[in-house]
PDB file of N, CA and C in Angstrom:
ATOM      1  N   MET A   1      30.019 -59.333  11.912  1.00  0.00           N
ATOM      2  CA  MET A   1      29.374 -58.576  10.862  1.00  0.00           C
ATOM      3  C   MET A   1      30.321 -58.502   9.668  1.00  0.00           C
ATOM      4  N   SER A   2      29.815 -58.848   8.489  1.00  0.00           N
ATOM      5  CA  SER A   2      30.643 -58.809   7.291  1.00  0.00           C
ATOM      6  C   SER A   2      30.827 -57.359   6.851  1.00  0.00           C
ATOM      7  N   GLN A   3      31.817 -57.142   5.980  1.00  0.00           N
ATOM      8  CA  GLN A   3      32.071 -55.794   5.489  1.00  0.00           C
ATOM      9  C   GLN A   3      30.867 -55.248   4.734  1.00  0.00           C
ATOM     10  N   SER A   4      30.197 -56.090   3.944  1.00  0.00           N
ATOM     11  CA  SER A   4      29.034 -55.598   3.203  1.00  0.00           C
ATOM     12  C   SER A   4      27.902 -55.231   4.157  1.00  0.00           C
ATOM     13  N   GLU A   5      27.732 -55.996   5.234  1.00  0.00           N
ATOM     14  CA  GLU A   5      26.709 -55.646   6.227  1.00  0.00           C
ATOM     15  C   GLU A   5      27.083 -54.362   6.946  1.00  0.00           C
ATOM     16  N   GLU A   6      28.360 -54.194   7.233  1.00  0.00           N
ATOM     17  CA  GLU A   6      28.843 -52.992   7.908  1.00  0.00           C
ATOM     18  C   GLU A   6      28.625 -51.752   7.041  1.00  0.00           C
ATOM     19  N   ASN A   7      28.742 -51.916   5.729  1.00  0.00           N
ATOM     20  CA  ASN A   7      28.571 -50.789   4.814  1.00  0.00           C
ATOM     21  C   ASN A   7      27.116 -50.459   4.537  1.00  0.00           C
ATOM     22  N   GLN A   8      26.198 -51.368   4.871  1.00  0.00           N
ATOM     23  CA  GLN A   8      24.786 -51.129   4.574  1.00  0.00           C
ATOM     24  C   GLN A   8      24.133 -50.347   5.703  1.00  0.00           C
ATOM     25  N   ILE A   9      24.209 -49.035   5.592  1.00  0.00           N
ATOM     26  CA  ILE A   9      23.641 -48.157   6.617  1.00  0.00           C
ATOM     27  C   ILE A   9      22.233 -47.705   6.272  1.00  0.00           C
ATOM     28  N   PHE A  10      21.835 -47.947   5.023  1.00  0.00           N
ATOM     29  CA  PHE A  10      20.518 -47.534   4.580  1.00  0.00           C
ATOM     30  C   PHE A  10      19.551 -48.700   4.661  1.00  0.00           C
ATOM     31  N   THR A  11      18.277 -48.397   4.886  1.00  0.00           N
ATOM     32  CA  THR A  11      17.256 -49.439   4.858  1.00  0.00           C
ATOM     33  C   THR A  11      17.044 -49.867   3.407  1.00  0.00           C
ATOM     34  N   ALA A  12      16.434 -51.007   3.222  1.00  0.00           N
ATOM     35  CA  ALA A  12      16.128 -51.485   1.872  1.00  0.00           C
ATOM     36  C   ALA A  12      15.241 -50.480   1.140  1.00  0.00           C
ATOM     37  N   GLU A  13      14.330 -49.853   1.867  1.00  0.00           N
ATOM     38  CA  GLU A  13      13.446 -48.864   1.264  1.00  0.00           C
ATOM     39  C   GLU A  13      14.215 -47.625   0.808  1.00  0.00           C
ATOM     40  N   GLN A  14      15.182 -47.185   1.614  1.00  0.00           N
ATOM     41  CA  GLN A  14      15.997 -46.034   1.235  1.00  0.00           C
ATOM     42  C   GLN A  14      16.824 -46.340  -0.017  1.00  0.00           C
ATOM     43  N   VAL A  15      17.435 -47.517  -0.038  1.00  0.00           N
ATOM     44  CA  VAL A  15      18.228 -47.914  -1.203  1.00  0.00           C
ATOM     45  C   VAL A  15      17.342 -47.960  -2.443  1.00  0.00           C
ATOM     46  N   ALA A  16      16.184 -48.588  -2.325  1.00  0.00           N
ATOM     47  CA  ALA A  16      15.262 -48.687  -3.465  1.00  0.00           C
ATOM     48  C   ALA A  16      14.862 -47.302  -3.957  1.00  0.00           C
ATOM     49  N   ALA A  17      14.590 -46.382  -3.049  1.00  0.00           N
ATOM     50  CA  ALA A  17      14.193 -45.024  -3.442  1.00  0.00           C
ATOM     51  C   ALA A  17      15.337 -44.298  -4.136  1.00  0.00           C
ATOM     52  N   MET A  18      16.561 -44.423  -3.605  1.00  0.00           N
ATOM     53  CA  MET A  18      17.710 -43.763  -4.232  1.00  0.00           C
ATOM     54  C   MET A  18      17.989 -44.346  -5.616  1.00  0.00           C
ATOM     55  N   VAL A  19      17.956 -45.667  -5.709  1.00  0.00           N
ATOM     56  CA  VAL A  19      18.207 -46.339  -6.991  1.00  0.00           C
ATOM     57  C   VAL A  19      17.157 -45.920  -8.017  1.00  0.00           C
ATOM     58  N   SER A  20      15.917 -45.958  -7.632  1.00  0.00           N
ATOM     59  CA  SER A  20      14.826 -45.581  -8.536  1.00  0.00           C
ATOM     60  C   SER A  20      14.970 -44.130  -8.987  1.00  0.00           C
ATOM     61  N   HIS A  21      15.227 -43.246  -8.046  1.00  0.00           N
ATOM     62  CA  HIS A  21      15.373 -41.820  -8.368  1.00  0.00           C
ATOM     63  C   HIS A  21      16.526 -41.595  -9.340  1.00  0.00           C
ATOM     64  N   MET A  22      17.668 -42.190  -9.063  1.00  0.00           N
ATOM     65  CA  MET A  22      18.828 -41.989  -9.934  1.00  0.00           C
ATOM     66  C   MET A  22      18.572 -42.554 -11.330  1.00  0.00           C
ATOM     67  N   ASN A  23      18.000 -43.738 -11.400  1.00  0.00           N
ATOM     68  CA  ASN A  23      17.765 -44.353 -12.711  1.00  0.00           C
ATOM     69  C   ASN A  23      16.670 -43.645 -13.501  1.00  0.00           C
ATOM     70  N   ASP A  24      15.640 -43.168 -12.807  1.00  0.00           N
ATOM     71  CA  ASP A  24      14.526 -42.512 -13.482  1.00  0.00           C
ATOM     72  C   ASP A  24      14.825 -41.057 -13.858  1.00  0.00           C
ATOM     73  N   ASP A  25      15.530 -40.348 -12.967  1.00  0.00           N
ATOM     74  CA  ASP A  25      15.708 -38.909 -13.147  1.00  0.00           C
ATOM     75  C   ASP A  25      17.128 -38.474 -13.507  1.00  0.00           C
ATOM     76  N   HIS A  26      18.109 -39.334 -13.277  1.00  0.00           N
ATOM     77  CA  HIS A  26      19.505 -38.931 -13.477  1.00  0.00           C
ATOM     78  C   HIS A  26      20.331 -40.021 -14.159  1.00  0.00           C
ATOM     79  N   ALA A  27      19.739 -40.686 -15.125  1.00  0.00           N
ATOM     80  CA  ALA A  27      20.451 -41.754 -15.839  1.00  0.00           C
ATOM     81  C   ALA A  27      21.725 -41.227 -16.496  1.00  0.00           C
ATOM     82  N   ASP A  28      21.698 -39.981 -16.940  1.00  0.00           N
ATOM     83  CA  ASP A  28      22.893 -39.387 -17.539  1.00  0.00           C
ATOM     84  C   ASP A  28      24.035 -39.306 -16.535  1.00  0.00           C
ATOM     85  N   SER A  29      23.724 -38.999 -15.288  1.00  0.00           N
ATOM     86  CA  SER A  29      24.754 -38.938 -14.251  1.00  0.00           C
ATOM     87  C   SER A  29      25.313 -40.322 -13.945  1.00  0.00           C
ATOM     88  N   VAL A  30      24.456 -41.330 -13.926  1.00  0.00           N
ATOM     89  CA  VAL A  30      24.924 -42.695 -13.650  1.00  0.00           C
ATOM     90  C   VAL A  30      25.914 -43.122 -14.732  1.00  0.00           C
ATOM     91  N   LEU A  31      25.611 -42.835 -15.977  1.00  0.00           N
ATOM     92  CA  LEU A  31      26.532 -43.154 -17.072  1.00  0.00           C
ATOM     93  C   LEU A  31      27.818 -42.337 -16.934  1.00  0.00           C
ATOM     94  N   LEU A  32      27.693 -41.106 -16.534  1.00  0.00           N
ATOM     95  CA  LEU A  32      28.853 -40.248 -16.323  1.00  0.00           C
ATOM     96  C   LEU A  32      29.763 -40.794 -15.219  1.00  0.00           C
ATOM     97  N   TYR A  33      29.173 -41.328 -14.148  1.00  0.00           N
ATOM     98  CA  TYR A  33      29.982 -41.924 -13.069  1.00  0.00           C
ATOM     99  C   TYR A  33      30.861 -43.048 -13.620  1.00  0.00           C
ATOM    100  N   VAL A  34      30.281 -43.879 -14.467  1.00  0.00           N
ATOM    101  CA  VAL A  34      31.038 -44.999 -15.043  1.00  0.00           C
ATOM    102  C   VAL A  34      32.204 -44.464 -15.857  1.00  0.00           C
ATOM    103  N   ASP A  35      31.929 -43.496 -16.697  1.00  0.00           N
ATOM    104  CA  ASP A  35      32.961 -42.946 -17.572  1.00  0.00           C
ATOM    105  C   ASP A  35      34.063 -42.237 -16.778  1.00  0.00           C
ATOM    106  N   ALA A  36      33.679 -41.468 -15.779  1.00  0.00           N
ATOM    107  CA  ALA A  36      34.644 -40.641 -15.058  1.00  0.00           C
ATOM    108  C   ALA A  36      35.366 -41.354 -13.919  1.00  0.00           C
ATOM    109  N   TYR A  37      34.729 -42.330 -13.290  1.00  0.00           N
ATOM    110  CA  TYR A  37      35.278 -42.875 -12.050  1.00  0.00           C
ATOM    111  C   TYR A  37      35.568 -44.370 -12.095  1.00  0.00           C
ATOM    112  N   SER A  38      35.546 -44.973 -13.279  1.00  0.00           N
ATOM    113  CA  SER A  38      35.879 -46.394 -13.373  1.00  0.00           C
ATOM    114  C   SER A  38      36.819 -46.622 -14.551  1.00  0.00           C
ATOM    115  N   ASP A  39      37.324 -47.813 -14.634  1.00  0.00           N
ATOM    116  CA  ASP A  39      38.193 -48.186 -15.748  1.00  0.00           C
ATOM    117  C   ASP A  39      37.395 -48.657 -16.954  1.00  0.00           C
ATOM    118  N   VAL A  40      36.088 -48.740 -16.817  1.00  0.00           N
ATOM    119  CA  VAL A  40      35.234 -49.203 -17.910  1.00  0.00           C
ATOM    120  C   VAL A  40      35.033 -48.054 -18.898  1.00  0.00           C
ATOM    121  N   LYS A  41      35.372 -48.312 -20.145  1.00  0.00           N
ATOM    122  CA  LYS A  41      35.234 -47.283 -21.179  1.00  0.00           C
ATOM    123  C   LYS A  41      34.280 -47.771 -22.257  1.00  0.00           C
ATOM    124  N   GLY A  42      33.604 -46.833 -22.881  1.00  0.00           N
ATOM    125  CA  GLY A  42      32.716 -47.164 -23.983  1.00  0.00           C
ATOM    126  C   GLY A  42      31.336 -47.621 -23.576  1.00  0.00           C
ATOM    127  N   ALA A  43      30.929 -47.347 -22.334  1.00  0.00           N
ATOM    128  CA  ALA A  43      29.581 -47.726 -21.904  1.00  0.00           C
ATOM    129  C   ALA A  43      28.550 -46.879 -22.646  1.00  0.00           C
ATOM    130  N   SER A  44      27.507 -47.525 -23.122  1.00  0.00           N
ATOM    131  CA  SER A  44      26.444 -46.811 -23.825  1.00  0.00           C
ATOM    132  C   SER A  44      25.244 -46.546 -22.922  1.00  0.00           C
ATOM    133  N   ALA A  45      25.174 -47.256 -21.821  1.00  0.00           N
ATOM    134  CA  ALA A  45      24.092 -47.077 -20.846  1.00  0.00           C
ATOM    135  C   ALA A  45      24.597 -47.574 -19.503  1.00  0.00           C
ATOM    136  N   ALA A  46      23.957 -47.097 -18.449  1.00  0.00           N
ATOM    137  CA  ALA A  46      24.326 -47.533 -17.104  1.00  0.00           C
ATOM    138  C   ALA A  46      23.111 -47.397 -16.197  1.00  0.00           C
ATOM    139  N   ARG A  47      23.059 -48.286 -15.229  1.00  0.00           N
ATOM    140  CA  ARG A  47      21.940 -48.303 -14.294  1.00  0.00           C
ATOM    141  C   ARG A  47      22.477 -48.547 -12.895  1.00  0.00           C
ATOM    142  N   LEU A  48      22.101 -47.687 -11.952  1.00  0.00           N
ATOM    143  CA  LEU A  48      22.490 -47.872 -10.562  1.00  0.00           C
ATOM    144  C   LEU A  48      21.782 -49.109 -10.030  1.00  0.00           C
ATOM    145  N   VAL A  49      22.536 -49.980  -9.381  1.00  0.00           N
ATOM    146  CA  VAL A  49      21.987 -51.221  -8.836  1.00  0.00           C
ATOM    147  C   VAL A  49      21.823 -51.106  -7.327  1.00  0.00           C
ATOM    148  N   SER A  50      22.827 -50.523  -6.649  1.00  0.00           N
ATOM    149  CA  SER A  50      22.780 -50.418  -5.199  1.00  0.00           C
ATOM    150  C   SER A  50      23.733 -49.326  -4.736  1.00  0.00           C
ATOM    151  N   ILE A  51      23.509 -48.873  -3.513  1.00  0.00           N
ATOM    152  CA  ILE A  51      24.379 -47.879  -2.892  1.00  0.00           C
ATOM    153  C   ILE A  51      24.502 -48.227  -1.420  1.00  0.00           C
ATOM    154  N   ASP A  52      25.700 -48.027  -0.883  1.00  0.00           N
ATOM    155  CA  ASP A  52      25.929 -48.256   0.542  1.00  0.00           C
ATOM    156  C   ASP A  52      26.895 -47.200   1.051  1.00  0.00           C
ATOM    157  N   ALA A  53      27.337 -47.317   2.276  1.00  0.00           N
ATOM    158  CA  ALA A  53      28.185 -46.293   2.882  1.00  0.00           C
ATOM    159  C   ALA A  53      29.519 -46.126   2.180  1.00  0.00           C
ATOM    160  N   ALA A  54      30.011 -47.169   1.545  1.00  0.00           N
ATOM    161  CA  ALA A  54      31.343 -47.135   0.946  1.00  0.00           C
ATOM    162  C   ALA A  54      31.356 -46.864  -0.552  1.00  0.00           C
ATOM    163  N   GLY A  55      30.220 -47.071  -1.229  1.00  0.00           N
ATOM    164  CA  GLY A  55      30.230 -46.870  -2.674  1.00  0.00           C
ATOM    165  C   GLY A  55      28.925 -47.267  -3.325  1.00  0.00           C
ATOM    166  N   MET A  56      28.980 -47.343  -4.648  1.00  0.00           N
ATOM    167  CA  MET A  56      27.776 -47.703  -5.399  1.00  0.00           C
ATOM    168  C   MET A  56      28.106 -48.770  -6.441  1.00  0.00           C
ATOM    169  N   ASP A  57      27.107 -49.594  -6.709  1.00  0.00           N
ATOM    170  CA  ASP A  57      27.221 -50.642  -7.708  1.00  0.00           C
ATOM    171  C   ASP A  57      26.371 -50.243  -8.903  1.00  0.00           C
ATOM    172  N   ILE A  58      26.984 -50.318 -10.076  1.00  0.00           N
ATOM    173  CA  ILE A  58      26.340 -49.912 -11.315  1.00  0.00           C
ATOM    174  C   ILE A  58      26.472 -51.042 -12.326  1.00  0.00           C
ATOM    175  N   GLN A  59      25.448 -51.223 -13.120  1.00  0.00           N
ATOM    176  CA  GLN A  59      25.514 -52.169 -14.230  1.00  0.00           C
ATOM    177  C   GLN A  59      25.613 -51.342 -15.509  1.00  0.00           C
ATOM    178  N   ALA A  60      26.724 -51.488 -16.204  1.00  0.00           N
ATOM    179  CA  ALA A  60      26.951 -50.737 -17.439  1.00  0.00           C
ATOM    180  C   ALA A  60      26.795 -51.660 -18.635  1.00  0.00           C
ATOM    181  N   SER A  61      26.380 -51.086 -19.739  1.00  0.00           N
ATOM    182  CA  SER A  61      26.262 -51.824 -20.989  1.00  0.00           C
ATOM    183  C   SER A  61      27.413 -51.387 -21.897  1.00  0.00           C
ATOM    184  N   VAL A  62      28.262 -52.354 -22.258  1.00  0.00           N
ATOM    185  CA  VAL A  62      29.412 -52.084 -23.109  1.00  0.00           C
ATOM    186  C   VAL A  62      29.388 -53.082 -24.264  1.00  0.00           C
ATOM    187  N   ASP A  63      29.258 -52.579 -25.451  1.00  0.00           N
ATOM    188  CA  ASP A  63      29.223 -53.442 -26.644  1.00  0.00           C
ATOM    189  C   ASP A  63      28.204 -54.575 -26.504  1.00  0.00           C
ATOM    190  N   GLY A  64      27.034 -54.255 -25.966  1.00  0.00           N
ATOM    191  CA  GLY A  64      25.960 -55.230 -25.858  1.00  0.00           C
ATOM    192  C   GLY A  64      26.075 -56.206 -24.701  1.00  0.00           C
ATOM    193  N   ARG A  65      27.071 -56.040 -23.851  1.00  0.00           N
ATOM    194  CA  ARG A  65      27.180 -56.938 -22.688  1.00  0.00           C
ATOM    195  C   ARG A  65      27.134 -56.125 -21.404  1.00  0.00           C
ATOM    196  N   ASP A  66      26.628 -56.759 -20.357  1.00  0.00           N
ATOM    197  CA  ASP A  66      26.534 -56.112 -19.049  1.00  0.00           C
ATOM    198  C   ASP A  66      27.850 -56.241 -18.300  1.00  0.00           C
ATOM    199  N   VAL A  67      28.292 -55.131 -17.717  1.00  0.00           N
ATOM    200  CA  VAL A  67      29.533 -55.089 -16.957  1.00  0.00           C
ATOM    201  C   VAL A  67      29.222 -54.515 -15.580  1.00  0.00           C
ATOM    202  N   ALA A  68      29.611 -55.246 -14.532  1.00  0.00           N
ATOM    203  CA  ALA A  68      29.421 -54.762 -13.165  1.00  0.00           C
ATOM    204  C   ALA A  68      30.524 -53.760 -12.835  1.00  0.00           C
ATOM    205  N   VAL A  69      30.126 -52.624 -12.265  1.00  0.00           N
ATOM    206  CA  VAL A  69      31.065 -51.563 -11.914  1.00  0.00           C
ATOM    207  C   VAL A  69      30.847 -51.194 -10.453  1.00  0.00           C
ATOM    208  N   ARG A  70      31.923 -51.137  -9.687  1.00  0.00           N
ATOM    209  CA  ARG A  70      31.863 -50.679  -8.302  1.00  0.00           C
ATOM    210  C   ARG A  70      32.654 -49.377  -8.225  1.00  0.00           C
ATOM    211  N   ILE A  71      32.004 -48.328  -7.756  1.00  0.00           N
ATOM    212  CA  ILE A  71      32.669 -47.042  -7.578  1.00  0.00           C
ATOM    213  C   ILE A  71      32.642 -46.713  -6.091  1.00  0.00           C
ATOM    214  N   GLY A  72      33.819 -46.602  -5.514  1.00  0.00           N
ATOM    215  CA  GLY A  72      33.933 -46.286  -4.091  1.00  0.00           C
ATOM    216  C   GLY A  72      33.854 -44.790  -3.852  1.00  0.00           C
ATOM    217  N   PHE A  73      33.385 -44.434  -2.680  1.00  0.00           N
ATOM    218  CA  PHE A  73      33.317 -43.029  -2.289  1.00  0.00           C
ATOM    219  C   PHE A  73      34.594 -42.644  -1.549  1.00  0.00           C
ATOM    220  N   GLU A  74      35.011 -41.401  -1.704  1.00  0.00           N
ATOM    221  CA  GLU A  74      36.202 -40.911  -1.005  1.00  0.00           C
ATOM    222  C   GLU A  74      35.959 -40.831   0.493  1.00  0.00           C
ATOM    223  N   LYS A  75      34.735 -40.515   0.867  1.00  0.00           N
ATOM    224  CA  LYS A  75      34.366 -40.374   2.280  1.00  0.00           C
ATOM    225  C   LYS A  75      33.170 -41.276   2.545  1.00  0.00           C
ATOM    226  N   ARG A  76      33.237 -42.014   3.634  1.00  0.00           N
ATOM    227  CA  ARG A  76      32.150 -42.914   4.017  1.00  0.00           C
ATOM    228  C   ARG A  76      30.864 -42.116   4.272  1.00  0.00           C
ATOM    229  N   LEU A  77      29.767 -42.584   3.693  1.00  0.00           N
ATOM    230  CA  LEU A  77      28.474 -41.939   3.904  1.00  0.00           C
ATOM    231  C   LEU A  77      27.940 -42.288   5.285  1.00  0.00           C
ATOM    232  N   GLU A  78      27.255 -41.341   5.884  1.00  0.00           N
ATOM    233  CA  GLU A  78      26.647 -41.571   7.193  1.00  0.00           C
ATOM    234  C   GLU A  78      25.127 -41.483   7.144  1.00  0.00           C
ATOM    235  N   THR A  79      24.612 -40.706   6.194  1.00  0.00           N
ATOM    236  CA  THR A  79      23.166 -40.475   6.114  1.00  0.00           C
ATOM    237  C   THR A  79      22.725 -40.436   4.648  1.00  0.00           C
ATOM    238  N   ALA A  80      21.424 -40.464   4.441  1.00  0.00           N
ATOM    239  CA  ALA A  80      20.885 -40.325   3.085  1.00  0.00           C
ATOM    240  C   ALA A  80      21.230 -38.953   2.512  1.00  0.00           C
ATOM    241  N   LYS A  81      21.271 -37.935   3.351  1.00  0.00           N
ATOM    242  CA  LYS A  81      21.666 -36.603   2.881  1.00  0.00           C
ATOM    243  C   LYS A  81      23.110 -36.635   2.379  1.00  0.00           C
ATOM    244  N   ASP A  82      24.005 -37.357   3.087  1.00  0.00           N
ATOM    245  CA  ASP A  82      25.380 -37.530   2.610  1.00  0.00           C
ATOM    246  C   ASP A  82      25.387 -38.143   1.213  1.00  0.00           C
ATOM    247  N   ALA A  83      24.532 -39.138   1.000  1.00  0.00           N
ATOM    248  CA  ALA A  83      24.461 -39.798  -0.310  1.00  0.00           C
ATOM    249  C   ALA A  83      24.070 -38.783  -1.379  1.00  0.00           C
ATOM    250  N   HIS A  84      23.046 -37.999  -1.105  1.00  0.00           N
ATOM    251  CA  HIS A  84      22.595 -36.990  -2.060  1.00  0.00           C
ATOM    252  C   HIS A  84      23.720 -36.013  -2.380  1.00  0.00           C
ATOM    253  N   LEU A  85      24.349 -35.459  -1.358  1.00  0.00           N
ATOM    254  CA  LEU A  85      25.408 -34.472  -1.565  1.00  0.00           C
ATOM    255  C   LEU A  85      26.597 -35.079  -2.311  1.00  0.00           C
ATOM    256  N   THR A  86      26.936 -36.310  -1.989  1.00  0.00           N
ATOM    257  CA  THR A  86      28.062 -36.983  -2.641  1.00  0.00           C
ATOM    258  C   THR A  86      27.766 -37.230  -4.115  1.00  0.00           C
ATOM    259  N   LEU A  87      26.589 -37.729  -4.429  1.00  0.00           N
ATOM    260  CA  LEU A  87      26.243 -38.005  -5.821  1.00  0.00           C
ATOM    261  C   LEU A  87      26.191 -36.728  -6.647  1.00  0.00           C
ATOM    262  N   VAL A  88      25.665 -35.665  -6.085  1.00  0.00           N
ATOM    263  CA  VAL A  88      25.635 -34.378  -6.787  1.00  0.00           C
ATOM    264  C   VAL A  88      27.059 -33.878  -7.022  1.00  0.00           C
ATOM    265  N   SER A  89      27.896 -33.964  -6.002  1.00  0.00           N
ATOM    266  CA  SER A  89      29.288 -33.522  -6.119  1.00  0.00           C
ATOM    267  C   SER A  89      30.049 -34.324  -7.173  1.00  0.00           C
ATOM    268  N   LEU A  90      29.863 -35.650  -7.173  1.00  0.00           N
ATOM    269  CA  LEU A  90      30.530 -36.495  -8.167  1.00  0.00           C
ATOM    270  C   LEU A  90      30.093 -36.121  -9.579  1.00  0.00           C
ATOM    271  N   SER A  91      28.832 -35.848  -9.746  1.00  0.00           N
ATOM    272  CA  SER A  91      28.307 -35.474 -11.057  1.00  0.00           C
ATOM    273  C   SER A  91      28.889 -34.143 -11.514  1.00  0.00           C
ATOM    274  N   LYS A  92      28.872 -33.163 -10.630  1.00  0.00           N
ATOM    275  CA  LYS A  92      29.418 -31.848 -10.980  1.00  0.00           C
ATOM    276  C   LYS A  92      30.904 -31.928 -11.313  1.00  0.00           C
ATOM    277  N   ARG A  93      31.647 -32.660 -10.502  1.00  0.00           N
ATOM    278  CA  ARG A  93      33.087 -32.801 -10.726  1.00  0.00           C
ATOM    279  C   ARG A  93      33.370 -33.493 -12.060  1.00  0.00           C
ATOM    280  N   ALA A  94      32.609 -34.525 -12.367  1.00  0.00           N
ATOM    281  CA  ALA A  94      32.811 -35.251 -13.622  1.00  0.00           C
ATOM    282  C   ALA A  94      32.478 -34.361 -14.823  1.00  0.00           C
ATOM    283  N   ARG A  95      31.464 -33.541 -14.704  1.00  0.00           N
ATOM    284  CA  ARG A  95      31.079 -32.677 -15.820  1.00  0.00           C
ATOM    285  C   ARG A  95      32.129 -31.586 -16.085  1.00  0.00           C
ATOM    286  N   ARG A  96      32.859 -31.186 -15.049  1.00  0.00           N
ATOM    287  CA  ARG A  96      33.912 -30.178 -15.209  1.00  0.00           C
ATOM    288  C   ARG A  96      35.145 -30.750 -15.890  1.00  0.00           C
ATOM    289  N   ASN A  97      35.344 -32.054 -15.755  1.00  0.00           N
ATOM    290  CA  ASN A  97      36.583 -32.655 -16.290  1.00  0.00           C
ATOM    291  C   ASN A  97      36.450 -33.106 -17.698  1.00  0.00           C
TER     292      ASN A  97
END
């Protein structure tokens, strides 16, 4: 089993639902993740592409070009509820800083 397969604990449907929800309802948080938790600076937009047990993949727009961003989680996710709690925590922490 490859590392990416090992990290994929969610079904394709769960990933699609999380990605859709974050992009539709929390686009501001996705952009905030890029700014607060990656080395990419100056992103004007960001879109969640995928999420797995170890982290999330985001596509950021910087100066008109797409930049792939991988943000790892401090703690491995075990459930969809873990994903929800982790994303909320990351957003709150980033807004405080």
